[in-house]
Structures are given as structure tokens and as C-alpha cells.
Amino acid sequence: MSFEQIGSSFIEQYYTFFSTQRPMLAGVYRPTSLLTWQNEQIQGAESIMARFEQLQFNESVFKKDSVDCQPLGTGVLVVVNGEVALQGERYALKFNDVFHLANEGQSWYIANQIFNIVGGGTQMSE
């Protein structure tokens, strides 16, 4: 599999789980994973999942405008730009999400991630 295929496939699965089955993401983080969520740094799978449980929405829809992948040593760097529509909200929010995917045996995990809402919302179509 090419680094583009690895990055794109991983991201598709990640956003699918984040959108409706967030607890399934526990397996993609490790104790050493570092997430920066809106300028808040969170270390380790357990802490990251606890932070996700605190979010005030359970469902979301991600629209990816661009997904760029590059090889990074033995890993893959993935940069995603797009919009996210949160359950019960009228406007979608623009976001930027950066992933450093690392390889552990036959599986990929998130070593580092930086997520930010980057702009004002756009009205969602009915």
C-alpha cells in the first residue's frame, strides 16, 4: 500500500468512527499519543478518550475538502481541511486536522494529532 492509500484509508475510518461510534477510536491511540485539541494538549489514549467523552455532541458529519499525505520516516503525515457539521447545529465549522500516523507491526496508530476549528461556519443545506 502506498503512503497516500494508508493515509486516505485511515482518515476515512477515523472520521466514520468519530462521527457516530467515538469509543471505537480507543484503538488508534497509544499511551504515548499526543493530541492538541483546540490548543489543549492531551497525552495518552485514556486521556484522549476521556476528553472526547466530554464533548457536547454525539454525532457529526465531516466533509473533507482536501486530504494531503506525505511519507514521514516510517510513518505518514496527513493534513485534512474541511467542514464539520455538529449534531443540532445550523452551521458547519471549518476545521484543520493534522495526523502523524506511525506503524506498529501490522497496524497504524496516531502518534500525534493537531485539531483546530479555523474559521466561521457556513450554513448547512436542508
Protein backbone atom coordinates (compact mmCIF):
# COMPACT_ATOMS: atom_id res chain seq x y z
CA MET A 1 0.00 0.00 0.00
CA SER A 2 1.30 3.49 -0.83
CA PHE A 3 1.52 6.22 1.81
CA GLU A 4 -1.39 8.01 0.08
CA GLN A 5 -3.56 4.90 0.37
CA ILE A 6 -2.60 4.37 4.01
CA GLY A 7 -3.35 8.00 4.93
CA SER A 8 -6.60 8.25 2.99
CA SER A 9 -7.94 4.89 4.24
CA PHE A 10 -7.02 5.67 7.83
CA ILE A 11 -8.72 9.07 7.69
CA GLU A 12 -11.93 7.64 6.17
CA GLN A 13 -12.19 5.14 9.02
CA TYR A 14 -11.22 7.71 11.67
CA TYR A 15 -13.93 10.21 10.71
CA THR A 16 -16.54 7.47 10.33
CA PHE A 17 -15.88 6.32 13.91
CA PHE A 18 -15.56 9.87 15.28
CA SER A 19 -18.90 10.80 13.72
CA THR A 20 -21.08 8.11 15.29
CA GLN A 21 -19.01 5.50 17.19
CA ARG A 22 -16.38 7.54 19.03
CA PRO A 23 -15.46 4.82 21.59
CA MET A 24 -14.13 2.74 18.66
CA LEU A 25 -11.25 5.24 18.35
CA ALA A 26 -9.59 4.00 21.55
CA GLY A 27 -7.56 1.52 19.48
CA VAL A 28 -5.93 4.17 17.27
CA TYR A 29 -4.24 6.00 20.15
CA ARG A 30 -1.38 4.75 22.35
CA PRO A 31 -0.11 5.83 25.80
CA THR A 32 2.47 8.00 24.00
CA SER A 33 -0.01 9.62 21.56
CA LEU A 34 -0.25 13.40 21.83
CA LEU A 35 -3.39 15.26 20.74
CA THR A 36 -3.60 19.04 20.59
CA TRP A 37 -7.34 19.77 20.57
CA GLN A 38 -8.07 23.48 20.09
CA ASN A 39 -4.76 24.42 21.83
CA GLU A 40 -5.31 21.92 24.68
CA GLN A 41 -2.61 19.22 24.80
CA ILE A 42 -3.76 15.77 25.84
CA GLN A 43 -1.34 12.83 26.26
CA GLY A 44 -2.26 9.16 26.07
CA ALA A 45 -5.16 7.09 24.79
CA GLU A 46 -7.03 7.07 28.09
CA SER A 47 -6.88 10.87 28.49
CA ILE A 48 -7.78 11.48 24.85
CA MET A 49 -10.82 9.23 25.05
CA ALA A 50 -11.88 10.89 28.34
CA ARG A 51 -11.68 14.29 26.59
CA PHE A 52 -13.80 13.01 23.70
CA GLU A 53 -16.43 11.85 26.21
CA GLN A 54 -16.70 15.47 27.43
CA LEU A 55 -17.67 16.81 24.00
CA GLN A 56 -21.17 18.24 23.97
CA PHE A 57 -22.24 16.44 20.80
CA ASN A 58 -22.52 12.75 19.95
CA GLU A 59 -22.86 12.90 16.18
CA SER A 60 -21.09 14.87 13.50
CA VAL A 61 -20.62 14.85 9.74
CA PHE A 62 -17.21 15.57 8.25
CA LYS A 63 -16.82 16.93 4.72
CA LYS A 64 -13.19 16.74 3.67
CA ASP A 65 -12.19 19.44 1.18
CA SER A 66 -8.60 18.21 0.94
CA VAL A 67 -6.52 15.31 2.26
CA ASP A 68 -2.78 15.61 1.70
CA CYS A 69 -0.40 12.78 2.61
CA GLN A 70 3.39 12.60 2.76
CA PRO A 71 5.78 9.87 3.89
CA LEU A 72 7.43 10.69 7.22
CA GLY A 73 10.22 8.28 8.13
CA THR A 74 8.38 5.02 8.66
CA GLY A 75 5.09 6.86 9.15
CA VAL A 76 2.67 9.04 7.22
CA LEU A 77 1.84 12.72 7.67
CA VAL A 78 -1.79 13.56 6.83
CA VAL A 79 -3.29 17.06 6.65
CA VAL A 80 -7.07 17.39 6.35
CA ASN A 81 -9.03 20.57 5.67
CA GLY A 82 -12.79 20.64 5.56
CA GLU A 83 -16.04 21.31 7.38
CA VAL A 84 -17.71 19.54 10.25
CA ALA A 85 -21.43 19.72 10.98
CA LEU A 86 -22.26 19.03 14.62
CA GLN A 87 -25.48 17.43 15.77
CA GLY A 88 -28.14 20.08 16.34
CA GLU A 89 -26.12 22.97 14.89
CA ARG A 90 -27.28 25.05 11.94
CA TYR A 91 -23.82 25.94 10.64
CA ALA A 92 -20.89 23.75 9.67
CA LEU A 93 -17.48 24.72 11.06
CA LYS A 94 -14.26 24.83 9.05
CA PHE A 95 -11.51 22.65 10.51
CA ASN A 96 -7.89 21.64 10.04
CA ASP A 97 -6.66 18.27 11.32
CA VAL A 98 -3.04 17.07 11.14
CA PHE A 99 -2.09 13.45 11.83
CA HIS A 100 1.28 11.75 12.23
CA LEU A 101 0.48 8.08 11.69
CA ALA A 102 3.00 5.57 12.97
CA ASN A 103 3.30 1.86 12.27
CA GLU A 104 3.22 -0.80 14.97
CA GLY A 105 3.55 -4.27 13.47
CA GLN A 106 0.66 -4.61 11.04
CA SER A 107 -1.39 -1.72 12.42
CA TRP A 108 -1.29 2.07 12.19
CA TYR A 109 -1.92 4.40 15.09
CA ILE A 110 -1.96 8.15 15.76
CA ALA A 111 1.34 9.25 17.26
CA ASN A 112 0.47 12.96 17.03
CA GLN A 113 -2.64 14.91 16.07
CA ILE A 114 -3.48 18.61 15.96
CA PHE A 115 -7.16 19.59 15.52
CA ASN A 116 -8.42 23.16 15.20
CA ILE A 117 -11.59 24.92 14.17
CA VAL A 118 -10.21 27.54 11.79
CA GLY A 119 -13.00 29.84 10.72
CA GLY A 120 -16.58 30.84 10.84
CA GLY A 121 -19.36 28.50 9.95
CA THR A 122 -21.27 28.14 6.71
CA GLN A 123 -25.00 27.46 6.64
CA MET A 124 -25.81 23.82 6.08
CA SER A 125 -28.22 22.85 3.33
CA GLU A 126 -31.55 21.44 4.49
